[in-house]
């Protein structure tokens, strides 16, 4: 695959072996198009000490203190979209969910309102469309269009960064309102240095991608699977009725245990990311086989999540697999966010956004799948219903 002999690994023990030997036997690898479009300074492409140091800086934007401050904006943007969908009555949901997640990412990561309708948002969609494409840099190819959009996109991002720097210099006591504020104030523990403009641009681009593409897939899968499983939907709504009069907080969201089970099962059945590539740094052995230096490995999230030895009746949508009293499962059996040193940086941000969206949706709205549509999944680059998820959207 991609010009390299590749070994496929699945199952909890295989995942553990790959994900706990980062920088020892394995190093992260990406398709050539992704490497070029993410940029050389992106955290996703770094390894070893540089990755660890930079991750410590960026993770500050996803600590509980920061997440708590993100909830009001998530609710406001959700309410705006819910009202729009009520007005439309019938809609193709997936494309509009893409706008929704991009608006939230732009607002909470870089402070940009209505990001999906800005110049930056339109450039971002063109860039995103070329990420997993053949790296042929011609004006008419998806990669060529994405490459040209990247330069314009970085210019837009740099303008936002410089404007924010000016604002912070004029008012150093200004409270942090989004991830960009936090990243600008973050300092390396050893050197005391912050992130340069060039590095900030690549990191912002990565965070926008991570906070948009995979989240759209997960939220649309939640909407589809709950509509197809009315018993699950009813139980989730019953749980929400206990909290209907209370404002959403991190503590309240933690009490929504059945909703948490539903989201985990959504991510098991339709994981937004199907697996991850690693380059083999030195010869190693697993399961009686030698994995040679220079080859590639692909740990398989999809195959692990659909393994009947790990998850009985794996095709069934059954949130009770994740009930508090369910049998304990092996570590690295449920890995929608990866694991080890490279576990998804924005894992808690993603879980928060899904829970806020789902809680508000379940309390006040209902959605019905329209007939005569193809609900099978198109998998690349992330799973989505082939016909875009057509629904009737109504007030409860």
Protein backbone atom coordinates (compact mmCIF):
# COMPACT_ATOMS: atom_id res chain seq x y z
CA UNK A 1 0.00 0.00 0.00
CA UNK A 2 1.22 3.50 -0.90
CA UNK A 3 4.46 1.97 -2.19
CA UNK A 4 5.33 0.04 0.98
CA UNK A 5 4.87 -3.58 2.12
CA UNK A 6 2.16 -3.27 4.77
CA UNK A 7 1.12 -5.51 7.67
CA UNK A 8 -2.47 -5.29 8.91
CA UNK A 9 -3.03 -5.76 12.65
CA UNK A 10 -6.37 -6.06 14.44
CA UNK A 11 -7.68 -6.90 17.89
CA UNK A 12 -6.96 -5.51 21.37
CA UNK A 13 -3.54 -7.14 21.72
CA UNK A 14 -2.47 -6.00 18.26
CA UNK A 15 -3.64 -2.47 18.95
CA UNK A 16 -1.81 -2.48 22.26
CA UNK A 17 1.41 -3.64 20.60
CA UNK A 18 1.30 -0.91 17.96
CA UNK A 19 0.07 1.94 20.14
CA UNK A 20 2.32 1.35 23.15
CA UNK A 21 5.56 1.08 21.17
CA UNK A 22 5.49 4.56 19.65
CA UNK A 23 9.06 5.85 19.02
CA UNK A 24 10.40 2.39 19.88
CA UNK A 25 9.29 0.06 17.09
CA UNK A 26 6.94 2.42 15.28
CA UNK A 27 6.57 6.00 14.08
CA UNK A 28 3.43 7.67 12.78
CA UNK A 29 2.98 7.71 9.02
CA UNK A 30 0.48 9.39 6.71
CA UNK A 31 -0.34 9.15 3.01
CA UNK A 32 1.79 11.55 0.89
CA UNK A 33 -1.15 13.87 0.16
CA UNK A 34 -1.89 14.30 3.88
CA UNK A 35 1.76 15.01 4.73
CA UNK A 36 1.98 17.75 2.12
CA UNK A 37 -1.34 19.40 2.95
CA UNK A 38 -1.02 19.33 6.75
CA UNK A 39 2.39 20.96 6.63
CA UNK A 40 5.81 20.03 8.09
CA UNK A 41 5.20 21.67 11.49
CA UNK A 42 1.87 19.95 12.14
CA UNK A 43 1.68 17.96 15.38
CA UNK A 44 0.28 15.02 13.39
CA UNK A 45 3.61 14.64 11.58
CA UNK A 46 5.95 15.18 14.53
CA UNK A 47 7.45 12.36 16.55
CA UNK A 48 9.71 11.78 19.54
CA UNK A 49 10.55 14.62 21.91
CA UNK A 50 9.25 17.37 19.58
CA UNK A 51 5.84 15.69 19.45
CA UNK A 52 5.69 15.24 23.23
CA UNK A 53 6.70 18.86 23.93
CA UNK A 54 4.29 20.35 21.42
CA UNK A 55 1.45 18.11 22.53
CA UNK A 56 1.82 19.44 26.09
CA UNK A 57 1.33 22.97 24.76
CA UNK A 58 -1.68 22.21 22.59
CA UNK A 59 -3.48 19.95 25.07
CA UNK A 60 -3.99 22.98 27.32
CA UNK A 61 -6.78 24.06 24.96
CA UNK A 62 -8.72 20.88 25.83
CA UNK A 63 -8.40 20.76 29.61
CA UNK A 64 -11.61 20.84 31.72
CA UNK A 65 -11.17 24.54 32.51
CA UNK A 66 -11.15 25.35 28.80
CA UNK A 67 -13.94 22.90 27.94
CA UNK A 68 -16.26 24.45 30.50
CA UNK A 69 -15.94 27.79 28.72
CA UNK A 70 -16.82 26.24 25.36
CA UNK A 71 -20.31 25.01 26.35
CA UNK A 72 -22.25 28.31 25.91
CA UNK A 73 -20.99 28.81 22.35
CA UNK A 74 -21.76 25.18 21.48
CA UNK A 75 -25.31 25.65 22.74
CA UNK A 76 -25.81 28.95 20.90
CA UNK A 77 -24.60 27.56 17.58
CA UNK A 78 -26.68 24.38 18.08
CA UNK A 79 -29.83 26.43 18.72
CA UNK A 80 -29.23 28.53 15.61
CA UNK A 81 -28.96 25.43 13.44
CA UNK A 82 -31.95 23.71 15.06
CA UNK A 83 -34.11 26.72 14.23
CA UNK A 84 -32.85 26.70 10.65
CA UNK A 85 -33.68 23.01 10.27
CA UNK A 86 -37.17 23.57 11.69
CA UNK A 87 -37.77 26.18 9.02
CA UNK A 88 -36.64 23.82 6.27
CA UNK A 89 -38.75 20.89 7.59
CA UNK A 90 -37.16 18.43 5.13
CA UNK A 91 -33.43 18.53 4.46
CA UNK A 92 -30.33 16.59 3.49
CA UNK A 93 -28.67 16.64 6.88
CA UNK A 94 -25.02 15.63 6.36
CA UNK A 95 -23.88 18.72 4.40
CA UNK A 96 -25.52 20.98 6.98
CA UNK A 97 -23.89 19.06 9.83
CA UNK A 98 -20.57 19.82 8.13
CA UNK A 99 -21.38 23.54 8.34
CA UNK A 100 -22.43 23.09 11.96
CA UNK A 101 -19.19 21.42 13.08
CA UNK A 102 -17.05 23.86 11.09
CA UNK A 103 -18.84 26.81 12.70
CA UNK A 104 -18.14 25.39 16.16
CA UNK A 105 -14.51 24.62 15.31
CA UNK A 106 -13.92 28.11 13.91
CA UNK A 107 -15.60 29.82 16.87
CA UNK A 108 -13.92 27.85 19.65
CA UNK A 109 -10.53 27.32 18.06
CA UNK A 110 -9.86 30.69 16.41
CA UNK A 111 -12.75 32.97 17.45
CA UNK A 112 -14.29 33.23 13.98
CA UNK A 113 -18.10 33.54 13.81
CA UNK A 114 -20.10 31.70 11.11
CA UNK A 115 -16.88 30.16 9.84
CA UNK A 116 -18.52 27.94 7.21
CA UNK A 117 -19.78 31.03 5.36
CA UNK A 118 -16.49 32.97 5.43
CA UNK A 119 -13.67 33.02 2.89
CA UNK A 120 -11.63 30.89 5.31
CA UNK A 121 -14.43 28.33 5.55
CA UNK A 122 -14.77 27.96 1.80
CA UNK A 123 -11.00 27.63 1.36
CA UNK A 124 -10.96 25.05 4.14
CA UNK A 125 -13.56 22.84 2.42
CA UNK A 126 -11.52 22.84 -0.81
CA UNK A 127 -8.37 21.98 1.17
CA UNK A 128 -10.17 19.25 3.12
CA UNK A 129 -11.52 17.63 -0.07
CA UNK A 130 -7.97 16.98 -1.30
CA UNK A 131 -6.46 15.53 1.86
CA UNK A 132 -6.91 11.86 0.94
CA UNK A 133 -6.32 12.09 -2.80
CA UNK A 134 -3.57 11.16 -5.22
CA UNK A 135 -0.83 13.81 -4.77
CA UNK A 136 -0.92 15.00 -8.37
CA UNK A 137 -0.40 18.74 -8.32
CA UNK A 138 -2.35 19.91 -11.36
CA UNK A 139 -4.90 22.74 -11.39
CA UNK A 140 -7.85 20.42 -12.04
CA UNK A 141 -7.07 17.66 -9.51
CA UNK A 142 -8.48 17.55 -5.97
CA UNK A 143 -4.93 17.67 -4.60
CA UNK A 144 -3.94 20.58 -6.84
CA UNK A 145 -6.97 22.59 -5.77
CA UNK A 146 -6.27 21.74 -2.13
CA UNK A 147 -2.60 22.75 -2.42
CA UNK A 148 -3.52 26.16 -3.82
CA UNK A 149 -6.19 26.61 -1.17
CA UNK A 150 -3.67 25.78 1.57
CA UNK A 151 -1.55 28.84 0.80
CA UNK A 152 -4.57 31.15 0.81
CA UNK A 153 -5.90 29.44 3.93
CA UNK A 154 -2.63 29.97 5.81
CA UNK A 155 -2.72 33.65 4.84
CA UNK A 156 -6.22 33.96 6.37
CA UNK A 157 -5.11 32.12 9.51
CA UNK A 158 -1.99 34.30 9.86
CA UNK A 159 -4.11 37.45 9.71
CA UNK A 160 -6.28 36.11 12.55
CA UNK A 161 -3.22 35.16 14.61
CA UNK A 162 -1.54 38.55 14.18
CA UNK A 163 -4.75 40.41 15.01
CA UNK A 164 -5.12 38.33 18.18
CA UNK A 165 -1.47 38.97 19.14
CA UNK A 166 -2.08 42.70 18.84
CA UNK A 167 -5.20 42.39 21.01
CA UNK A 168 -3.35 40.42 23.68
CA UNK A 169 -0.44 42.87 23.73
CA UNK A 170 -2.86 45.77 24.23
CA UNK A 171 -4.77 43.92 26.94
CA UNK A 172 -2.57 41.23 28.55
CA UNK A 173 -5.15 40.60 31.30
CA UNK A 174 -7.84 39.72 28.77
CA UNK A 175 -9.46 36.37 29.69
CA UNK A 176 -8.83 33.44 27.33
CA UNK A 177 -11.91 32.82 25.22
CA UNK A 178 -10.81 30.15 22.72
CA UNK A 179 -8.04 27.73 21.81
CA UNK A 180 -6.04 30.41 19.95
CA UNK A 181 -5.77 32.52 23.11
CA UNK A 182 -4.55 29.48 25.03
CA UNK A 183 -2.02 28.50 22.35
CA UNK A 184 -0.63 32.05 22.16
CA UNK A 185 -0.13 32.11 25.93
CA UNK A 186 1.29 28.57 26.20
CA UNK A 187 5.01 28.19 26.97
CA UNK A 188 7.34 25.20 26.72
CA UNK A 189 8.19 23.83 30.18
CA UNK A 190 11.90 23.48 29.39
CA UNK A 191 12.68 26.45 27.17
CA UNK A 192 9.94 28.91 28.11
CA UNK A 193 9.34 29.55 24.42
CA UNK A 194 5.93 29.83 22.78
CA UNK A 195 4.76 28.68 19.36
CA UNK A 196 6.05 30.58 16.34
CA UNK A 197 3.65 32.08 13.78
CA UNK A 198 4.59 29.42 11.22
CA UNK A 199 3.97 26.58 13.65
CA UNK A 200 0.73 28.11 14.91
CA UNK A 201 -0.61 28.19 11.36
CA UNK A 202 0.00 24.48 10.80
CA UNK A 203 -1.40 23.59 14.24
CA UNK A 204 -4.55 25.66 13.72
CA UNK A 205 -5.10 23.94 10.37
CA UNK A 206 -4.73 20.53 12.01
CA UNK A 207 -7.15 21.42 14.83
CA UNK A 208 -9.74 22.72 12.38
CA UNK A 209 -9.54 19.45 10.46
CA UNK A 210 -9.69 17.29 13.59
CA UNK A 211 -12.59 19.32 15.01
CA UNK A 212 -14.63 19.13 11.83
CA UNK A 213 -14.26 16.10 9.55
CA UNK A 214 -14.42 13.26 12.08
CA UNK A 215 -17.00 15.01 14.28
CA UNK A 216 -19.37 15.46 11.36
CA UNK A 217 -19.14 11.74 10.70
CA UNK A 218 -19.76 10.82 14.36
CA UNK A 219 -22.72 13.18 14.79
CA UNK A 220 -24.39 12.08 11.56
CA UNK A 221 -23.95 8.43 12.61
CA UNK A 222 -25.57 9.26 15.95
CA UNK A 223 -28.56 10.81 14.18
CA UNK A 224 -28.90 7.85 11.78
CA UNK A 225 -28.49 5.04 14.31
CA UNK A 226 -30.84 6.50 16.92
CA UNK A 227 -33.50 7.06 14.23
CA UNK A 228 -33.11 3.41 13.17
CA UNK A 229 -33.33 2.16 16.77
CA UNK A 230 -36.44 3.68 18.40
CA UNK A 231 -36.00 1.75 21.68
CA UNK A 232 -32.57 3.32 22.15
CA UNK A 233 -33.95 6.72 21.20
CA UNK A 234 -36.77 6.42 23.73
CA UNK A 235 -34.38 5.47 26.55
CA UNK A 236 -32.07 8.35 25.70
CA UNK A 237 -35.02 10.77 25.75
CA UNK A 238 -36.25 9.40 29.07
CA UNK A 239 -32.83 10.08 30.58
CA UNK A 240 -32.85 13.63 29.23
CA UNK A 241 -36.25 14.30 30.82
CA UNK A 242 -34.51 14.11 34.21
CA UNK A 243 -32.24 17.01 33.30
CA UNK A 244 -34.50 19.12 31.06
CA UNK A 245 -34.75 22.12 33.39
CA UNK A 246 -31.03 22.24 34.26
CA UNK A 247 -28.36 24.19 32.36
CA UNK A 248 -25.69 22.07 30.72
CA UNK A 249 -22.44 21.83 32.66
CA UNK A 250 -19.56 19.37 32.62
CA UNK A 251 -20.88 17.79 35.82
CA UNK A 252 -24.40 17.44 34.44
CA UNK A 253 -23.12 15.90 31.21
CA UNK A 254 -21.20 13.31 33.24
CA UNK A 255 -24.49 12.24 34.83
CA UNK A 256 -25.93 11.33 31.41
CA UNK A 257 -24.64 7.78 31.59
CA UNK A 258 -26.98 6.25 29.00
CA UNK A 259 -26.18 9.00 26.48
CA UNK A 260 -22.51 8.21 27.09
CA UNK A 261 -23.21 4.54 26.32
CA UNK A 262 -25.04 5.48 23.10
CA UNK A 263 -22.16 7.67 21.91
CA UNK A 264 -19.61 4.94 22.66
CA UNK A 265 -21.67 2.42 20.71
CA UNK A 266 -22.02 4.83 17.77
CA UNK A 267 -18.24 5.20 17.72
CA UNK A 268 -17.82 1.42 17.92
CA UNK A 269 -20.21 0.57 15.10
CA UNK A 270 -19.18 3.43 12.79
CA UNK A 271 -15.75 4.67 13.93
CA UNK A 272 -14.93 7.96 12.16
CA UNK A 273 -11.35 6.77 11.61
CA UNK A 274 -10.86 3.23 10.34
CA UNK A 275 -7.25 2.75 11.44
CA UNK A 276 -3.81 4.29 11.56
CA UNK A 277 -0.56 3.86 9.63
CA UNK A 278 2.82 3.39 11.32
CA UNK A 279 6.31 3.12 9.86
CA UNK A 280 8.45 0.32 11.35
CA UNK A 281 11.62 1.78 12.88
CA UNK A 282 13.37 -1.51 13.63
CA UNK A 283 12.73 -5.22 13.34
CA UNK A 284 10.25 -6.52 15.91
CA UNK A 285 8.12 -9.57 16.54
CA UNK A 286 4.41 -9.97 17.17
CA UNK A 287 2.32 -13.13 17.30
CA UNK A 288 5.22 -15.28 16.10
CA UNK A 289 5.84 -13.11 13.04
CA UNK A 290 8.72 -10.78 12.27
CA UNK A 291 7.81 -7.23 11.23
CA UNK A 292 10.81 -5.88 9.27
CA UNK A 293 12.27 -2.40 9.57
CA UNK A 294 11.10 -0.05 6.82
CA UNK A 295 7.75 -1.79 6.29
CA UNK A 296 4.43 -0.24 7.30
CA UNK A 297 1.74 -1.41 9.68
CA UNK A 298 -1.92 -0.47 9.79
CA UNK A 299 -3.75 -1.03 13.07
CA UNK A 300 -7.41 -1.60 12.27
CA UNK A 301 -10.07 0.11 14.35
CA UNK A 302 -12.95 -1.04 12.12
CA UNK A 303 -11.93 -4.69 12.22
CA UNK A 304 -11.36 -4.65 15.98
CA UNK A 305 -14.76 -3.05 16.64
CA UNK A 306 -16.52 -5.64 14.45
CA UNK A 307 -14.71 -8.70 15.87
CA UNK A 308 -17.30 -11.07 17.40
CA UNK A 309 -14.70 -12.37 19.86
CA UNK A 310 -14.44 -8.86 21.28
CA UNK A 311 -18.00 -7.59 20.74
CA UNK A 312 -20.67 -10.36 20.52
CA UNK A 313 -23.21 -9.75 17.72
CA UNK A 314 -21.05 -6.89 16.45
CA UNK A 315 -23.54 -5.72 13.79
CA UNK A 316 -26.20 -4.98 16.43
CA UNK A 317 -26.51 -1.45 17.80
CA UNK A 318 -26.47 -2.17 21.53
CA UNK A 319 -25.42 0.65 23.90
CA UNK A 320 -25.77 -1.73 26.86
CA UNK A 321 -22.36 -3.14 25.87
CA UNK A 322 -21.00 -0.08 27.66
CA UNK A 323 -23.28 -0.16 30.72
CA UNK A 324 -21.47 0.38 34.04
CA UNK A 325 -22.26 -3.20 35.11
CA UNK A 326 -21.26 -4.79 31.77
CA UNK A 327 -18.35 -7.23 31.63
CA UNK A 328 -15.04 -5.41 31.56
CA UNK A 329 -13.45 -5.44 28.15
CA UNK A 330 -9.77 -5.74 27.33
CA UNK A 331 -7.83 -2.47 27.01
CA UNK A 332 -7.43 -1.28 23.41
CA UNK A 333 -10.62 -3.06 22.27
CA UNK A 334 -12.61 0.19 21.88
CA UNK A 335 -10.26 2.68 20.23
CA UNK A 336 -12.23 5.27 18.21
CA UNK A 337 -9.71 7.91 19.32
CA UNK A 338 -6.63 5.72 18.95
CA UNK A 339 -4.46 5.29 22.03
CA UNK A 340 -1.06 5.61 23.59
CA UNK A 341 1.12 8.69 23.09
CA UNK A 342 -0.82 9.69 19.98
CA UNK A 343 -4.37 9.35 21.30
CA UNK A 344 -6.57 12.03 19.74
CA UNK A 345 -5.62 15.39 21.26
CA UNK A 346 -9.19 16.70 21.02
CA UNK A 347 -10.90 13.58 22.39
CA UNK A 348 -12.67 15.41 25.22
CA UNK A 349 -13.60 18.34 22.95
CA UNK A 350 -15.22 15.86 20.53
CA UNK A 351 -17.09 14.05 23.30
CA UNK A 352 -18.29 17.37 24.71
CA UNK A 353 -19.58 18.60 21.36
CA UNK A 354 -21.38 15.33 20.67
CA UNK A 355 -23.01 15.33 24.11
CA UNK A 356 -24.13 18.97 23.94
CA UNK A 357 -25.58 18.46 20.45
CA UNK A 358 -27.27 15.19 21.40
CA UNK A 359 -28.71 16.45 24.69
CA UNK A 360 -30.30 19.50 23.08
CA UNK A 361 -31.53 17.48 20.10
CA UNK A 362 -33.10 14.72 22.21
CA UNK A 363 -34.89 17.12 24.55
CA UNK A 364 -36.65 19.31 22.02
CA UNK A 365 -36.67 17.84 18.51
CA UNK A 366 -37.55 14.78 16.49
CA UNK A 367 -36.26 13.61 13.13
CA UNK A 368 -37.61 11.01 10.73
CA UNK A 369 -35.68 9.31 7.95
CA UNK A 370 -37.24 10.02 4.55
CA UNK A 371 -38.00 7.04 2.28
CA UNK A 372 -36.20 6.06 -0.93
CA UNK A 373 -32.65 6.94 0.08
CA UNK A 374 -29.40 4.99 0.25
CA UNK A 375 -28.32 4.82 3.90
CA UNK A 376 -25.27 2.63 3.28
CA UNK A 377 -21.97 4.22 4.26
CA UNK A 378 -19.40 5.76 1.98
CA UNK A 379 -16.25 5.18 4.04
CA UNK A 380 -13.49 7.43 2.60
CA UNK A 381 -12.27 9.78 3.97
CA UNK A 382 -14.74 9.37 6.88
CA UNK A 383 -18.03 7.42 6.99
CA UNK A 384 -21.15 9.18 5.75
CA UNK A 385 -24.54 8.06 4.35
CA UNK A 386 -24.31 7.88 0.57
CA UNK A 387 -27.40 10.02 -0.03
CA UNK A 388 -26.50 12.54 2.65
CA UNK A 389 -29.05 11.51 5.32
CA UNK A 390 -32.42 12.94 4.24
CA UNK A 391 -34.78 13.68 7.13
CA UNK A 392 -37.91 15.47 8.24
CA UNK A 393 -37.00 17.70 11.19
CA UNK A 394 -39.70 18.82 13.67
CA UNK A 395 -40.27 20.23 17.14
CA UNK A 396 -41.29 17.63 19.71
